[in-house]
Amino acid sequence: MKALIVCCLLALAVAIAQAWWVDTTLTVAAGPFKLCYNSQNDKVYCGCRTSDTVVVIDGATNAILAWLAVGDQPHDLCYNLQDNKVYCANSGSGSVTVIDGGTNQVITAVFAGAVPLALCYNASGNKICCANTDSGGGAVAVIDGAADTLIAYVPAGDDPRSICYSPQNNMVYCANSASNSVTVVDGGADTVVARVAVGESPQALCCNPENNKVYVANRGDSTVSIIDGESNVVIATVPVGETPYGLCYDSVDNRVFCANYDADNMTVIDGASDLVLATISVGPQPNACCYCPQYNRVFCTNRNGPSVSVLDAGAMSVIATVFVGAGPVAVSCHPQGDKVYTANFDAGTVTVISAGTGAEETPTSPAAGSPIPATFARGVLHLSSEGLAALISPAGLQVMTLRPGANDVRHLSPGVYFVRSKAGNGRTEGKVMVQ
């Protein structure tokens, strides 16, 4: 009887903890595969691979606003802040669908090669870069963000799987899985400037803007190659867990988190020294991760959990395991609303997680769930505090270091950013609207 009571109490505790973290679960469409966030209209987009659909979710109410028919097998999404558009790479139809972020209407479809697989946004040139495979090998298709037309088709390596943009040098990096290389494309000229040999079967990329580095997760040999953004050469190769599959950057602690699919763990790499700081056990088959800047947390989807491991990025430890729908394959942070979204491929659902659950509040931080006061900046942002601070994008990336006094922000794209202190607990201190 005692054992039965203990089991019932444990089950009740798990259920209470689960309800504490999970805001809601939305039934979307078959095969939810990718997510992205529209900071201008506070919307979340879910590309559903099996049903050839993009589902639009209200970021404030969690209501589904629209189901949009796109091309065959949507594989990736990205957001164009300057023109308020969402782009969907359709791997089965050789196209990129363009969606109006305000009206939730499909504007057009742009040819982008035979098999478009990955997208990134070049904010400096207002371009969308699409990594794709065709009969002649891999390429990066470049789309004009204003006109939605193809303006360049840049040769890359074989079977490109991931692409990212580095604002420091205005470069685009494309990871080519079958040729064990990364193609570096000049973001202004749309020409190849380097082909960098990396480890076997590069799968994922992320940028470290503080040290101007690019990280490449090589699933074939269980390493992470680190590329210097200035010279475009590999400066370190870091052994990680088996089959690294996802990367994210912690802009407060200057660390990179790597999800290792077949090791059931995450490797933490120091952004300055390139040394491994920790190996953290998570759930089974971790495959995607994202960084939530407001609470300095990393969220990692575990495909076979099915769960999300919540990590304290500063302490480098798991603070919760949140069970979600079957087959979570993507995760995205909603920095304005304290939410994290997971795309659950096998369940056909999106789980909404309360990102700030259990966070301790401080006098310098707004209460969880309450709006962060906004400062408007046109050309110059004044920092009144004495120490350094980081300016964080909605994607959780540090875009610049702020110093006391006047800071020139004319190079930034208009939109929402967050100011985080680099001292103390690194919590969000304010929201900035760059105009």
Protein backbone atom coordinates (compact mmCIF):
# COMPACT_ATOMS: atom_id res chain seq x y z
CA MET A 1 0.00 0.00 0.00
CA LYS A 2 2.83 2.41 0.90
CA ALA A 3 4.50 1.72 -2.42
CA LEU A 4 1.26 2.44 -4.24
CA ILE A 5 0.82 5.71 -2.36
CA VAL A 6 4.40 6.74 -3.18
CA CYS A 7 3.86 5.96 -6.88
CA CYS A 8 0.62 7.96 -6.91
CA LEU A 9 2.31 10.93 -5.23
CA LEU A 10 5.19 10.81 -7.70
CA ALA A 11 2.76 10.69 -10.63
CA LEU A 12 0.87 13.64 -9.16
CA ALA A 13 4.09 15.62 -8.70
CA VAL A 14 5.08 14.97 -12.31
CA ALA A 15 1.64 16.04 -13.54
CA ILE A 16 1.78 19.27 -11.49
CA ALA A 17 5.29 20.06 -12.75
CA GLN A 18 4.21 19.36 -16.31
CA ALA A 19 1.21 21.67 -16.01
CA TRP A 20 3.50 24.32 -14.52
CA TRP A 21 5.68 24.37 -17.64
CA VAL A 22 3.27 23.63 -20.51
CA ASP A 23 1.04 26.53 -21.53
CA THR A 24 -0.93 24.66 -24.20
CA THR A 25 -0.67 22.14 -27.02
CA LEU A 26 -1.99 23.03 -30.47
CA THR A 27 -3.05 20.57 -33.14
CA VAL A 28 -1.63 22.06 -36.34
CA ALA A 29 -1.22 19.78 -39.39
CA ALA A 30 0.61 16.60 -40.35
CA GLY A 31 4.38 16.64 -39.94
CA PRO A 32 5.30 19.92 -38.19
CA PHE A 33 8.98 20.32 -38.94
CA LYS A 34 10.27 23.91 -38.60
CA LEU A 35 9.44 27.09 -36.67
CA CYS A 36 10.18 30.79 -36.94
CA TYR A 37 9.08 33.96 -35.16
CA ASN A 38 7.71 37.23 -36.58
CA SER A 39 8.74 39.93 -34.08
CA GLN A 40 6.80 42.71 -35.82
CA ASN A 41 3.36 41.06 -35.61
CA ASP A 42 4.05 38.69 -32.71
CA LYS A 43 3.35 35.53 -34.69
CA VAL A 44 4.87 32.07 -34.82
CA TYR A 45 5.03 30.06 -38.04
CA CYS A 46 5.17 26.26 -38.23
CA GLY A 47 6.10 24.54 -41.49
CA CYS A 48 4.38 21.16 -41.73
CA ARG A 49 6.36 18.87 -44.01
CA THR A 50 3.84 16.08 -44.57
CA SER A 51 0.83 18.32 -45.25
CA ASP A 52 2.58 21.03 -47.35
CA THR A 53 1.27 23.69 -44.99
CA VAL A 54 2.48 26.64 -42.95
CA VAL A 55 0.42 27.26 -39.82
CA VAL A 56 0.31 30.80 -38.37
CA ILE A 57 -0.02 31.10 -34.58
CA ASP A 58 -0.84 34.23 -32.57
CA GLY A 59 2.07 34.75 -30.17
CA ALA A 60 -0.08 36.45 -27.54
CA THR A 61 -3.16 34.21 -27.46
CA ASN A 62 -1.78 30.92 -28.88
CA ALA A 63 -4.71 30.90 -31.32
CA ILE A 64 -4.20 29.51 -34.81
CA LEU A 65 -4.72 32.36 -37.27
CA ALA A 66 -4.29 30.61 -40.62
CA TRP A 67 -3.37 27.44 -42.48
CA LEU A 68 -1.47 28.37 -45.65
CA ALA A 69 -0.87 26.05 -48.59
CA VAL A 70 2.76 26.20 -49.71
CA GLY A 71 4.98 24.01 -51.91
CA ASP A 72 5.77 20.34 -51.46
CA GLN A 73 7.57 19.25 -48.29
CA PRO A 74 8.38 22.54 -46.52
CA HIS A 75 11.79 22.09 -44.95
CA ASP A 76 12.83 25.43 -43.44
CA LEU A 77 11.53 28.92 -42.55
CA CYS A 78 13.07 32.34 -42.01
CA TYR A 79 11.78 35.85 -41.31
CA ASN A 80 12.57 39.07 -43.17
CA LEU A 81 12.18 41.83 -40.56
CA GLN A 82 12.70 44.70 -43.00
CA ASP A 83 9.80 43.77 -45.29
CA ASN A 84 7.78 41.74 -42.75
CA LYS A 85 7.77 38.54 -44.78
CA VAL A 86 8.22 34.86 -44.01
CA TYR A 87 10.01 32.54 -46.41
CA CYS A 88 9.38 28.79 -46.66
CA ALA A 89 11.81 26.46 -48.48
CA ASN A 90 9.88 23.65 -50.18
CA SER A 91 12.28 20.75 -50.74
CA GLY A 92 9.83 18.76 -52.86
CA SER A 93 8.92 21.47 -55.37
CA GLY A 94 12.11 23.49 -55.86
CA SER A 95 10.58 26.73 -54.62
CA VAL A 96 10.52 29.24 -51.79
CA THR A 97 7.07 30.46 -50.79
CA VAL A 98 6.83 34.11 -49.66
CA ILE A 99 4.23 34.96 -47.00
CA ASP A 100 3.06 38.44 -45.99
CA GLY A 101 3.65 38.74 -42.23
CA GLY A 102 0.80 41.19 -41.75
CA THR A 103 -2.00 39.68 -43.81
CA ASN A 104 -1.09 35.97 -43.56
CA GLN A 105 -1.37 35.68 -47.34
CA VAL A 106 0.96 33.94 -49.78
CA ILE A 107 2.55 36.61 -52.01
CA THR A 108 4.47 34.48 -54.49
CA ALA A 109 6.76 31.48 -54.96
CA VAL A 110 10.37 31.88 -56.13
CA PHE A 111 12.40 29.20 -57.93
CA ALA A 112 15.41 28.31 -55.78
CA GLY A 113 16.91 25.11 -57.23
CA ALA A 114 15.82 21.49 -57.25
CA VAL A 115 15.83 20.75 -53.51
CA PRO A 116 15.77 23.84 -51.24
CA LEU A 117 16.69 22.73 -47.74
CA ALA A 118 17.82 25.64 -45.55
CA LEU A 119 17.32 29.40 -45.28
CA CYS A 120 18.94 32.40 -43.63
CA TYR A 121 18.37 36.15 -43.77
CA ASN A 122 21.08 38.62 -44.74
CA ALA A 123 19.96 41.76 -42.89
CA SER A 124 22.69 43.95 -44.37
CA GLY A 125 21.61 43.38 -47.97
CA ASN A 126 17.96 42.47 -47.34
CA LYS A 127 18.48 39.10 -49.00
CA ILE A 128 17.26 35.59 -48.34
CA CYS A 129 19.85 32.87 -48.92
CA CYS A 130 18.65 29.35 -49.69
CA ALA A 131 20.91 26.28 -49.60
CA ASN A 132 19.75 23.68 -52.10
CA THR A 133 20.82 20.58 -54.01
CA ASP A 134 20.35 20.16 -57.75
CA SER A 135 21.66 17.92 -60.51
CA GLY A 136 24.86 19.93 -60.81
CA GLY A 137 25.64 19.83 -57.08
CA GLY A 138 24.84 22.23 -54.27
CA ALA A 139 24.18 25.94 -54.59
CA VAL A 140 23.06 28.99 -52.63
CA ALA A 141 20.12 30.76 -54.25
CA VAL A 142 19.96 34.46 -53.33
CA ILE A 143 16.54 36.15 -53.28
CA ASP A 144 15.98 39.91 -53.15
CA GLY A 145 13.94 40.61 -50.01
CA ALA A 146 12.08 43.57 -51.49
CA ALA A 147 11.32 42.29 -54.99
CA ASP A 148 11.13 38.55 -54.16
CA THR A 149 13.15 37.65 -57.24
CA LEU A 150 16.17 35.39 -57.69
CA ILE A 151 19.24 37.63 -58.07
CA ALA A 152 22.12 35.13 -57.80
CA TYR A 153 22.83 31.42 -57.90
CA VAL A 154 26.12 30.69 -56.17
CA PRO A 155 27.83 27.27 -56.46
CA ALA A 156 28.39 25.43 -53.18
CA GLY A 157 29.45 21.90 -52.16
CA ASP A 158 27.43 18.71 -52.41
CA ASP A 159 24.27 18.20 -50.36
CA PRO A 160 24.15 21.48 -48.38
CA ARG A 161 22.25 20.96 -45.12
CA SER A 162 22.55 24.19 -43.15
CA ILE A 163 23.18 27.89 -43.75
CA CYS A 164 23.77 30.90 -41.51
CA TYR A 165 24.59 34.59 -41.79
CA SER A 166 27.39 36.35 -39.92
CA PRO A 167 26.80 40.12 -39.60
CA GLN A 168 30.38 40.83 -38.47
CA ASN A 169 31.87 40.40 -41.96
CA ASN A 170 28.66 40.20 -43.98
CA MET A 171 29.30 36.57 -44.90
CA VAL A 172 27.00 33.60 -45.51
CA TYR A 173 28.17 30.12 -44.48
CA CYS A 174 26.79 26.98 -46.13
CA ALA A 175 27.54 23.52 -44.69
CA ASN A 176 27.88 20.86 -47.40
CA SER A 177 27.21 17.43 -45.93
CA ALA A 178 28.45 15.24 -48.81
CA SER A 179 31.65 17.21 -49.50
CA ASN A 180 32.71 17.76 -45.86
CA SER A 181 33.07 21.47 -46.40
CA VAL A 182 31.64 24.92 -45.72
CA THR A 183 31.22 27.37 -48.58
CA VAL A 184 31.70 31.03 -47.60
CA VAL A 185 29.72 33.53 -49.67
CA ASP A 186 30.27 37.30 -49.65
CA GLY A 187 26.93 38.76 -48.55
CA GLY A 188 27.36 41.88 -50.63
CA ALA A 189 28.79 40.53 -53.88
CA ASP A 190 27.08 37.11 -53.72
CA THR A 191 30.31 35.38 -54.73
CA VAL A 192 32.31 32.55 -53.15
CA VAL A 193 35.26 33.80 -51.10
CA ALA A 194 36.37 30.50 -49.51
CA ARG A 195 35.75 26.78 -49.35
CA VAL A 196 36.66 25.48 -45.91
CA ALA A 197 37.34 21.79 -45.22
CA VAL A 198 35.66 20.65 -42.01
CA GLY A 199 34.75 17.31 -40.41
CA GLU A 200 32.60 14.52 -41.84
CA SER A 201 28.98 15.25 -42.81
CA PRO A 202 28.50 18.78 -41.44
CA GLN A 203 24.92 19.07 -40.20
CA ALA A 204 24.42 22.36 -38.36
CA LEU A 205 25.90 25.86 -38.06
CA CYS A 206 25.79 28.77 -35.64
CA CYS A 207 27.61 32.08 -35.26
CA ASN A 208 29.42 33.58 -32.30
CA PRO A 209 29.27 37.35 -32.94
CA GLU A 210 31.35 38.24 -29.87
CA ASN A 211 34.45 36.41 -31.09
CA ASN A 212 33.55 36.36 -34.81
CA LYS A 213 33.51 32.58 -35.11
CA VAL A 214 31.32 30.04 -36.90
CA TYR A 215 30.67 26.59 -35.43
CA VAL A 216 30.05 23.51 -37.57
CA ALA A 217 28.53 20.34 -36.08
CA ASN A 218 29.95 17.34 -37.97
CA ARG A 219 27.65 14.38 -37.39
CA GLY A 220 29.90 11.93 -39.25
CA ASP A 221 32.94 12.15 -36.97
CA SER A 222 31.37 13.66 -33.82
CA THR A 223 33.30 16.90 -33.84
CA VAL A 224 32.64 20.63 -34.01
CA SER A 225 34.83 22.62 -36.40
CA ILE A 226 35.39 26.26 -35.40
CA ILE A 227 35.98 28.71 -38.24
CA ASP A 228 37.54 32.13 -37.68
CA GLY A 229 35.20 34.65 -39.29
CA GLU A 230 37.99 37.02 -40.30
CA SER A 231 40.30 34.55 -42.05
CA ASN A 232 37.76 31.80 -42.86
CA VAL A 233 40.09 29.05 -41.69
CA VAL A 234 39.46 26.32 -39.12
CA ILE A 235 41.14 27.31 -35.87
CA ALA A 236 39.99 24.38 -33.73
CA THR A 237 38.32 20.98 -33.99
CA VAL A 238 36.50 20.01 -30.80
CA PRO A 239 35.48 16.39 -30.02
CA VAL A 240 31.87 16.23 -28.80
CA GLY A 241 29.27 13.51 -28.22
CA GLU A 242 28.23 11.02 -30.85
CA THR A 243 26.33 12.46 -33.86
CA PRO A 244 26.16 16.20 -33.13
CA TYR A 245 22.93 17.46 -34.66
CA GLY A 246 22.03 20.93 -33.36
CA LEU A 247 23.79 24.08 -32.16
CA CYS A 248 22.83 27.28 -30.38
CA TYR A 249 24.74 30.27 -29.00
CA ASP A 250 24.43 31.61 -25.44
CA SER A 251 25.12 35.32 -25.90
CA VAL A 252 25.34 36.14 -22.18
CA ASP A 253 27.95 33.56 -21.19
CA ASN A 254 29.59 33.40 -24.65
CA ARG A 255 29.11 29.65 -24.97
CA VAL A 256 27.96 27.25 -27.66
CA PHE A 257 25.66 24.33 -26.83
CA CYS A 258 25.80 21.26 -29.07
CA ALA A 259 23.05 18.60 -29.04
CA ASN A 260 24.52 15.12 -29.62
CA TYR A 261 21.82 12.86 -31.07
CA ASP A 262 23.25 9.41 -30.36
CA ALA A 263 24.96 10.32 -27.08
CA ASP A 264 21.88 11.70 -25.32
CA ASN A 265 23.86 14.68 -24.12
CA MET A 266 24.91 18.25 -24.86
CA THR A 267 28.45 19.57 -25.11
CA VAL A 268 29.17 23.12 -23.91
CA ILE A 269 32.03 24.96 -25.65
CA ASP A 270 33.59 28.17 -24.38
CA GLY A 271 33.34 30.86 -27.05
CA ALA A 272 36.65 32.50 -26.20
CA SER A 273 38.97 29.54 -25.52
CA ASP A 274 37.25 26.87 -27.67
CA LEU A 275 37.52 24.45 -24.75
CA VAL A 276 34.82 22.02 -23.64
CA LEU A 277 33.36 23.28 -20.37
CA ALA A 278 30.81 20.57 -19.68
CA THR A 279 28.95 17.54 -21.00
CA ILE A 280 25.34 17.49 -19.84
CA SER A 281 23.05 14.46 -19.98
CA VAL A 282 19.63 15.24 -21.49
CA GLY A 283 16.84 13.10 -22.95
CA PRO A 284 17.04 10.44 -25.69
CA GLN A 285 18.04 11.63 -29.16
CA PRO A 286 18.55 15.39 -28.67
CA ASN A 287 18.28 16.98 -32.09
CA ALA A 288 17.53 20.72 -31.87
CA CYS A 289 18.16 23.50 -29.39
CA CYS A 290 17.55 27.20 -28.92
CA TYR A 291 18.68 29.87 -26.49
CA CYS A 292 16.20 32.02 -24.55
CA PRO A 293 17.96 35.30 -23.72
CA GLN A 294 15.42 36.62 -21.24
CA TYR A 295 16.01 33.81 -18.74
CA ASN A 296 19.45 32.64 -19.88
CA ARG A 297 18.14 29.16 -20.62
CA VAL A 298 18.69 26.58 -23.34
CA PHE A 299 15.82 24.41 -24.54
CA CYS A 300 16.73 21.09 -26.20
CA THR A 301 14.23 18.82 -27.96
CA ASN A 302 14.70 15.08 -27.41
CA ARG A 303 13.21 13.22 -30.39
CA ASN A 304 12.61 9.95 -28.56
CA GLY A 305 11.68 11.50 -25.18
CA PRO A 306 9.44 12.85 -26.34
CA SER A 307 10.58 15.77 -24.24
CA VAL A 308 12.39 19.08 -23.92
CA SER A 309 15.33 19.42 -21.56
CA VAL A 310 15.48 22.88 -19.97
CA LEU A 311 19.02 23.97 -19.07
CA ASP A 312 20.27 26.80 -16.92
CA ALA A 313 22.87 28.17 -19.34
CA GLY A 314 24.92 29.85 -16.64
CA ALA A 315 25.07 26.80 -14.35
CA MET A 316 25.25 24.39 -17.32
CA SER A 317 22.75 22.04 -15.72
CA VAL A 318 19.31 20.60 -16.47
CA ILE A 319 16.59 22.21 -14.37
CA ALA A 320 13.55 20.49 -15.87
CA THR A 321 12.37 17.88 -18.36
CA VAL A 322 9.12 18.85 -20.06
CA PHE A 323 7.17 16.18 -21.93
CA VAL A 324 5.72 17.27 -25.27
CA GLY A 325 4.10 15.66 -28.29
CA ALA A 326 5.66 12.67 -30.06
CA GLY A 327 8.73 13.33 -32.19
CA PRO A 328 9.81 16.90 -31.35
CA VAL A 329 12.21 18.05 -34.09
CA ALA A 330 12.32 21.86 -33.81
CA VAL A 331 12.28 24.48 -31.06
CA SER A 332 11.98 28.28 -31.19
CA CYS A 333 12.08 31.02 -28.58
CA HIS A 334 9.48 33.80 -28.41
CA PRO A 335 11.49 36.42 -26.46
CA GLN A 336 8.70 38.99 -26.10
CA GLY A 337 6.16 36.62 -24.61
CA ASP A 338 8.27 34.34 -22.41
CA LYS A 339 7.36 31.31 -24.51
CA VAL A 340 9.15 28.49 -26.27
CA TYR A 341 7.54 26.45 -29.05
CA THR A 342 8.29 22.87 -30.11
CA ALA A 343 7.23 21.26 -33.40
CA ASN A 344 6.21 17.67 -32.68
CA PHE A 345 6.49 15.85 -36.00
CA ASP A 346 4.88 12.51 -35.12
CA ALA A 347 2.03 14.03 -33.11
CA GLY A 348 1.08 16.81 -35.54
CA THR A 349 1.18 19.33 -32.70
CA VAL A 350 3.00 22.39 -31.40
CA THR A 351 3.64 22.57 -27.67
CA VAL A 352 3.85 26.00 -26.03
CA ILE A 353 6.17 26.10 -23.00
CA SER A 354 6.37 28.88 -20.40
CA ALA A 355 10.04 29.80 -20.71
CA GLY A 356 10.32 31.63 -17.38
CA THR A 357 8.80 28.97 -15.13
CA GLY A 358 10.51 28.95 -11.75
CA ALA A 359 12.78 31.90 -12.54
CA GLU A 360 13.71 34.07 -9.60
CA GLU A 361 12.88 37.73 -10.06
CA THR A 362 15.24 40.60 -9.24
CA PRO A 363 14.50 44.29 -8.70
CA THR A 364 16.12 45.14 -12.06
CA SER A 365 13.97 42.70 -14.01
CA PRO A 366 10.26 42.86 -14.87
CA ALA A 367 7.98 40.19 -13.45
CA ALA A 368 7.59 37.07 -15.55
CA GLY A 369 4.89 37.53 -18.14
CA SER A 370 4.72 41.32 -17.76
CA PRO A 371 5.71 43.61 -20.64
CA ILE A 372 9.30 44.83 -20.71
CA PRO A 373 9.47 48.65 -20.97
CA ALA A 374 10.55 49.74 -24.44
CA THR A 375 13.07 52.42 -25.42
CA PHE A 376 12.97 53.87 -28.92
CA ALA A 377 16.31 54.42 -30.67
CA ARG A 378 16.85 56.20 -33.97
CA GLY A 379 20.51 56.02 -34.95
CA VAL A 380 21.87 56.23 -31.40
CA LEU A 381 21.11 54.16 -28.29
CA HIS A 382 22.12 55.68 -24.95
CA LEU A 383 23.16 53.28 -22.19
CA SER A 384 22.82 54.80 -18.75
CA SER A 385 24.35 51.94 -16.72
CA GLU A 386 28.03 51.95 -15.81
CA GLY A 387 28.99 48.49 -17.09
CA LEU A 388 28.88 46.79 -20.48
CA ALA A 389 25.67 45.32 -21.83
CA ALA A 390 24.70 43.10 -24.74
CA LEU A 391 22.10 43.98 -27.37
CA ILE A 392 20.21 40.78 -28.22
CA SER A 393 18.12 40.02 -31.31
CA PRO A 394 14.74 38.21 -31.07
CA ALA A 395 16.58 35.07 -32.21
CA GLY A 396 18.77 35.23 -29.08
CA LEU A 397 21.94 36.38 -30.85
CA GLN A 398 24.13 39.16 -29.51
CA VAL A 399 24.31 41.76 -32.30
CA MET A 400 26.59 44.22 -30.52
CA THR A 401 28.19 45.14 -27.21
CA LEU A 402 26.80 48.32 -25.64
CA ARG A 403 29.02 50.72 -23.70
CA PRO A 404 28.00 53.48 -21.29
CA GLY A 405 26.88 56.57 -23.19
CA ALA A 406 26.00 56.83 -26.89
CA ASN A 407 26.07 53.70 -29.08
CA ASP A 408 25.73 53.91 -32.87
CA VAL A 409 22.95 51.51 -34.00
CA ARG A 410 22.46 52.81 -37.54
CA HIS A 411 23.76 49.53 -39.01
CA LEU A 412 21.01 47.46 -37.35
CA SER A 413 17.79 46.45 -39.05
CA PRO A 414 14.69 48.15 -37.60
CA GLY A 415 12.83 46.08 -35.02
CA VAL A 416 12.81 44.77 -31.47
CA TYR A 417 16.01 44.09 -29.51
CA PHE A 418 16.77 43.34 -25.85
CA VAL A 419 19.39 44.85 -23.55
CA ARG A 420 21.09 42.46 -21.14
CA SER A 421 23.65 43.33 -18.51
CA LYS A 422 26.98 41.50 -18.77
CA ALA A 423 27.34 41.62 -15.00
CA GLY A 424 25.43 39.94 -12.23
CA ASN A 425 22.76 37.46 -13.28
CA GLY A 426 22.59 38.66 -16.88
CA ARG A 427 18.83 39.16 -16.88
CA THR A 428 16.98 41.30 -19.42
CA GLU A 429 16.92 44.95 -18.36
CA GLY A 430 15.02 46.54 -21.23
CA LYS A 431 13.53 46.32 -24.66
CA VAL A 432 14.67 48.55 -27.51
CA MET A 433 12.77 49.48 -30.66
CA VAL A 434 15.36 50.41 -33.28
CA GLN A 435 13.77 52.70 -35.88
